[in-house]
Amino acid sequence: MFSPEATPLSSETMCAMEPASIAGLLTSPMFEVLDGTILITGFAGEEDMLNSHEATGILSAIDSASTLLRLLFNTSEVSQMLRLDGDVPNPAPRIRLQWRESLLDREGNLIFSSPGFRLPTVWIHRGHGGYDENGRIGISAGLEADPMIPTHQVNDAIRSCRGAMLLAVLPVCTSAPSANILRRNPRIAMAEGNDDTEISETQSEDRLLSLDQLRRLMRTRGWYSQVLQHLDLCEAD
């Protein structure tokens, strides 16, 4: 039976989920440009995902991510209504799913490098991780191990995109070095990928299922009230 404690979220994510950090995010320019998109890469679409033996955990990860987004968007709306003394706030983005079979387009270019590409709010990449032929840490373009794309190249492309990313999830082998690279990207608030070695398919599924910890954290007694208290302090400043 899956035990969430066996695959804890990173300390960096837990810090980002602290009430004070969430309040700061909700009042930041980054939050204003989140568009509500959950991008799943590695599958061509929902039917492709549902019929793949490598898709276990994806639906759970989507559910956890959408729960987080609904809470953040709803909290922002409530905060705006209180601040605007009852006036109608800006509508929250609609949460929607997008699918990409590969990180590369038909011309072989990174999708993040496409002109005008807007970052998804959540990115879940189902693929492989490791090192390319030159020894650079990378992630695969899709479910197949090849081609492997250097993570620094992906990271640089993300920096040039419009928008921002709340959460990037890499349930792939040797994901810790890639996650560490993404965490240093100012366009990304949180990145999950905590494995330094090759992992099994079951372990990869566990990495996706572990996102349910986000839901339990938000339901922890006092967590939400502390977020609201910190929001009041942010607005007072």
Protein backbone atom coordinates (compact mmCIF):
# COMPACT_ATOMS: atom_id res chain seq x y z
CA MET A 1 0.00 0.00 0.00
CA PHE A 2 1.31 3.44 -0.88
CA SER A 3 2.73 5.37 2.04
CA PRO A 4 3.06 9.13 1.42
CA GLU A 5 5.70 9.33 4.14
CA ALA A 6 7.96 7.10 2.01
CA THR A 7 8.27 9.75 -0.70
CA PRO A 8 8.03 13.12 1.04
CA LEU A 9 7.83 16.35 -0.86
CA SER A 10 11.06 18.32 -0.98
CA SER A 11 11.93 20.70 1.83
CA GLU A 12 11.88 23.51 -0.73
CA THR A 13 8.25 22.74 -1.61
CA MET A 14 7.28 22.48 2.04
CA CYS A 15 8.83 25.90 2.68
CA ALA A 16 6.96 27.34 -0.31
CA MET A 17 3.72 25.94 1.14
CA GLU A 18 4.17 27.67 4.50
CA PRO A 19 1.24 30.08 5.17
CA ALA A 20 3.50 33.14 5.04
CA SER A 21 5.00 31.99 1.72
CA ILE A 22 1.57 31.30 0.23
CA ALA A 23 0.34 34.73 1.31
CA GLY A 24 3.38 36.27 -0.31
CA LEU A 25 2.72 34.33 -3.51
CA LEU A 26 -0.93 35.44 -3.63
CA THR A 27 0.12 39.09 -3.52
CA SER A 28 3.03 38.73 -5.95
CA PRO A 29 3.32 39.64 -9.66
CA MET A 30 3.97 35.94 -10.34
CA PHE A 31 0.50 34.95 -9.14
CA GLU A 32 -1.14 37.55 -11.36
CA VAL A 33 0.16 35.86 -14.52
CA LEU A 34 -0.77 32.25 -13.64
CA ASP A 35 -3.26 31.09 -16.27
CA GLY A 36 -4.64 27.90 -14.69
CA THR A 37 -3.26 25.45 -17.27
CA ILE A 38 -2.09 22.00 -16.16
CA LEU A 39 0.23 20.68 -18.88
CA ILE A 40 0.92 16.93 -19.07
CA THR A 41 3.84 16.01 -21.30
CA GLY A 42 4.54 12.44 -22.41
CA PHE A 43 1.01 11.69 -23.62
CA ALA A 44 -0.78 12.84 -26.77
CA GLY A 45 -4.07 13.22 -24.92
CA GLU A 46 -6.39 11.84 -22.28
CA GLU A 47 -7.20 8.66 -24.23
CA ASP A 48 -3.51 7.99 -24.81
CA MET A 49 -2.86 8.44 -21.09
CA LEU A 50 -5.79 6.23 -20.01
CA ASN A 51 -4.53 3.36 -22.17
CA SER A 52 -0.89 3.56 -21.10
CA HIS A 53 0.53 1.29 -18.40
CA GLU A 54 2.94 4.11 -17.56
CA ALA A 55 0.15 6.53 -16.61
CA THR A 56 -0.60 5.32 -13.09
CA GLY A 57 -0.55 8.29 -10.74
CA ILE A 58 -1.18 10.93 -13.39
CA LEU A 59 -4.87 11.37 -12.57
CA SER A 60 -4.07 11.60 -8.86
CA ALA A 61 -1.41 14.23 -9.56
CA ILE A 62 -3.88 16.22 -11.69
CA ASP A 63 -6.45 16.07 -8.89
CA SER A 64 -3.94 17.24 -6.28
CA ALA A 65 -2.70 20.05 -8.52
CA SER A 66 -6.21 21.25 -9.38
CA THR A 67 -7.19 21.19 -5.70
CA LEU A 68 -4.23 23.43 -4.92
CA LEU A 69 -5.11 25.81 -7.76
CA ARG A 70 -8.77 26.06 -6.77
CA LEU A 71 -7.82 26.95 -3.21
CA LEU A 72 -5.30 29.57 -4.28
CA PHE A 73 -7.58 31.16 -6.88
CA ASN A 74 -10.58 31.19 -4.51
CA THR A 75 -8.51 32.65 -1.68
CA SER A 76 -7.25 35.37 -3.99
CA GLU A 77 -10.82 36.24 -5.00
CA VAL A 78 -11.96 36.45 -1.38
CA SER A 79 -8.97 38.61 -0.51
CA GLN A 80 -9.71 40.95 -3.41
CA MET A 81 -13.38 41.27 -2.41
CA LEU A 82 -12.42 42.24 1.12
CA ARG A 83 -9.81 44.68 -0.13
CA LEU A 84 -12.19 46.17 -2.69
CA ASP A 85 -14.97 46.50 -0.09
CA GLY A 86 -17.37 44.22 -1.93
CA ASP A 87 -16.54 45.24 -5.50
CA VAL A 88 -16.30 42.41 -8.02
CA PRO A 89 -12.69 41.14 -8.24
CA ASN A 90 -10.94 40.04 -11.39
CA PRO A 91 -12.25 36.57 -12.32
CA ALA A 92 -9.96 33.66 -11.47
CA PRO A 93 -8.49 31.70 -14.39
CA ARG A 94 -10.34 28.58 -15.49
CA ILE A 95 -8.35 25.43 -14.72
CA ARG A 96 -7.83 23.36 -17.86
CA LEU A 97 -5.72 20.49 -19.10
CA GLN A 98 -3.29 20.47 -22.01
CA TRP A 99 -1.44 17.46 -23.41
CA ARG A 100 1.82 17.21 -25.33
CA GLU A 101 3.30 13.90 -26.40
CA SER A 102 6.76 15.43 -26.55
CA LEU A 103 8.71 18.43 -25.34
CA LEU A 104 9.74 18.88 -28.98
CA ASP A 105 7.51 20.24 -31.73
CA ARG A 106 7.33 18.84 -35.27
CA GLU A 107 10.44 20.78 -36.25
CA GLY A 108 12.39 19.34 -33.34
CA ASN A 109 12.40 22.55 -31.31
CA LEU A 110 11.51 22.77 -27.63
CA ILE A 111 7.87 23.72 -27.13
CA PHE A 112 9.04 26.26 -24.55
CA SER A 113 11.03 27.96 -27.30
CA SER A 114 7.97 28.54 -29.51
CA PRO A 115 7.35 32.26 -30.10
CA GLY A 116 4.79 33.56 -27.62
CA PHE A 117 4.60 30.28 -25.67
CA ARG A 118 2.89 30.84 -22.32
CA LEU A 119 4.02 28.78 -19.36
CA PRO A 120 1.52 26.37 -17.83
CA THR A 121 0.66 26.91 -14.17
CA VAL A 122 1.49 23.26 -13.45
CA TRP A 123 3.75 21.06 -15.56
CA ILE A 124 3.83 17.28 -15.05
CA HIS A 125 6.40 15.49 -17.21
CA ARG A 126 6.19 11.71 -17.60
CA GLY A 127 9.41 10.53 -19.14
CA HIS A 128 12.95 9.55 -18.27
CA GLY A 129 15.82 11.31 -16.57
CA GLY A 130 19.56 10.84 -16.62
CA TYR A 131 22.57 12.08 -18.55
CA ASP A 132 23.02 12.67 -22.27
CA GLU A 133 25.99 11.43 -24.32
CA ASN A 134 27.99 14.45 -23.17
CA GLY A 135 27.38 13.77 -19.49
CA ARG A 136 24.88 16.61 -19.05
CA ILE A 137 21.90 16.06 -16.80
CA GLY A 138 18.72 15.87 -18.80
CA ILE A 139 15.15 14.66 -19.23
CA SER A 140 13.67 12.79 -22.15
CA ALA A 141 11.43 14.53 -24.65
CA GLY A 142 8.64 12.03 -23.98
CA LEU A 143 7.96 8.49 -22.77
CA GLU A 144 10.89 7.09 -24.75
CA ALA A 145 14.35 7.47 -23.26
CA ASP A 146 15.66 9.18 -26.41
CA PRO A 147 16.14 11.92 -27.23
CA MET A 148 17.45 13.24 -23.93
CA ILE A 149 17.34 17.02 -23.60
CA PRO A 150 19.79 18.84 -21.28
CA THR A 151 17.83 20.29 -18.38
CA HIS A 152 19.79 23.55 -18.61
CA GLN A 153 18.45 23.94 -22.15
CA VAL A 154 14.87 23.38 -20.97
CA ASN A 155 15.42 25.76 -18.08
CA ASP A 156 16.80 28.51 -20.32
CA ALA A 157 13.83 28.18 -22.67
CA ILE A 158 11.40 28.47 -19.74
CA ARG A 159 13.10 31.69 -18.68
CA SER A 160 12.23 33.26 -22.02
CA CYS A 161 8.53 32.33 -21.92
CA ARG A 162 5.59 34.50 -20.95
CA GLY A 163 3.77 33.78 -17.69
CA ALA A 164 4.94 31.77 -14.70
CA MET A 165 4.86 28.23 -13.38
CA LEU A 166 3.60 27.40 -9.89
CA LEU A 167 4.72 23.77 -9.87
CA ALA A 168 6.89 21.52 -12.04
CA VAL A 169 6.80 17.76 -11.38
CA LEU A 170 9.40 15.30 -12.70
CA PRO A 171 8.55 11.67 -11.74
CA VAL A 172 11.67 10.47 -13.58
CA CYS A 173 15.00 8.82 -12.80
CA THR A 174 17.86 11.00 -11.56
CA SER A 175 15.43 13.87 -11.18
CA ALA A 176 17.03 15.64 -8.22
CA PRO A 177 19.70 17.46 -10.30
CA SER A 178 17.07 18.58 -12.82
CA ALA A 179 14.70 19.75 -10.07
CA ASN A 180 17.52 21.72 -8.46
CA ILE A 181 18.11 23.50 -11.76
CA LEU A 182 14.42 24.34 -12.17
CA ARG A 183 14.13 25.59 -8.57
CA ARG A 184 16.65 28.32 -9.35
CA ASN A 185 14.47 29.58 -12.19
CA PRO A 186 12.65 32.79 -11.17
CA ARG A 187 9.69 31.73 -13.37
CA ILE A 188 9.07 28.58 -11.27
CA ALA A 189 7.76 28.67 -7.69
CA MET A 190 8.10 24.95 -6.84
CA ALA A 191 9.75 21.93 -8.48
CA GLU A 192 9.43 18.29 -7.45
CA GLY A 193 11.97 15.67 -8.43
CA ASN A 194 13.92 14.13 -5.58
CA ASP A 195 15.64 11.01 -6.91
CA ASP A 196 19.39 10.76 -7.44
CA THR A 197 19.35 7.29 -8.99
CA GLU A 198 17.38 5.09 -11.38
CA ILE A 199 13.89 4.36 -10.09
CA SER A 200 11.31 1.72 -10.87
CA GLU A 201 7.95 2.31 -12.53
CA THR A 202 6.27 1.85 -9.14
CA GLN A 203 8.56 4.43 -7.53
CA SER A 204 7.76 6.86 -10.33
CA GLU A 205 4.06 6.34 -9.64
CA ASP A 206 4.69 6.99 -5.95
CA ARG A 207 6.29 10.34 -6.82
CA LEU A 208 3.05 11.37 -8.51
CA LEU A 209 0.84 10.01 -5.73
CA SER A 210 2.93 11.87 -3.16
CA LEU A 211 1.48 15.15 -4.45
CA ASP A 212 -1.57 14.24 -2.35
CA GLN A 213 0.50 15.60 0.55
CA LEU A 214 -0.31 19.07 -0.78
CA ARG A 215 -4.01 18.41 -0.20
CA ARG A 216 -3.44 17.10 3.32
CA LEU A 217 -1.19 20.04 4.14
CA MET A 218 -3.87 22.52 3.08
CA ARG A 219 -6.35 20.69 5.31
CA THR A 220 -4.06 20.83 8.33
CA ARG A 221 -5.77 22.56 11.23
CA GLY A 222 -4.88 26.25 11.24
CA TRP A 223 -3.08 26.29 7.87
CA TYR A 224 -5.75 28.25 5.98
CA SER A 225 -6.46 30.69 8.81
CA GLN A 226 -2.74 31.46 9.00
CA VAL A 227 -2.68 32.15 5.26
CA LEU A 228 -5.51 34.67 5.74
CA GLN A 229 -3.74 36.28 8.69
CA HIS A 230 -0.57 36.71 6.66
CA LEU A 231 -2.61 38.11 3.79
CA ASP A 232 -3.98 40.76 6.13
CA LEU A 233 -0.41 41.66 7.12
CA CYS A 234 0.69 41.83 3.47
CA GLU A 235 -2.18 44.15 2.61
CA ALA A 236 -1.50 46.29 5.67
CA ASP A 237 2.06 46.83 4.42
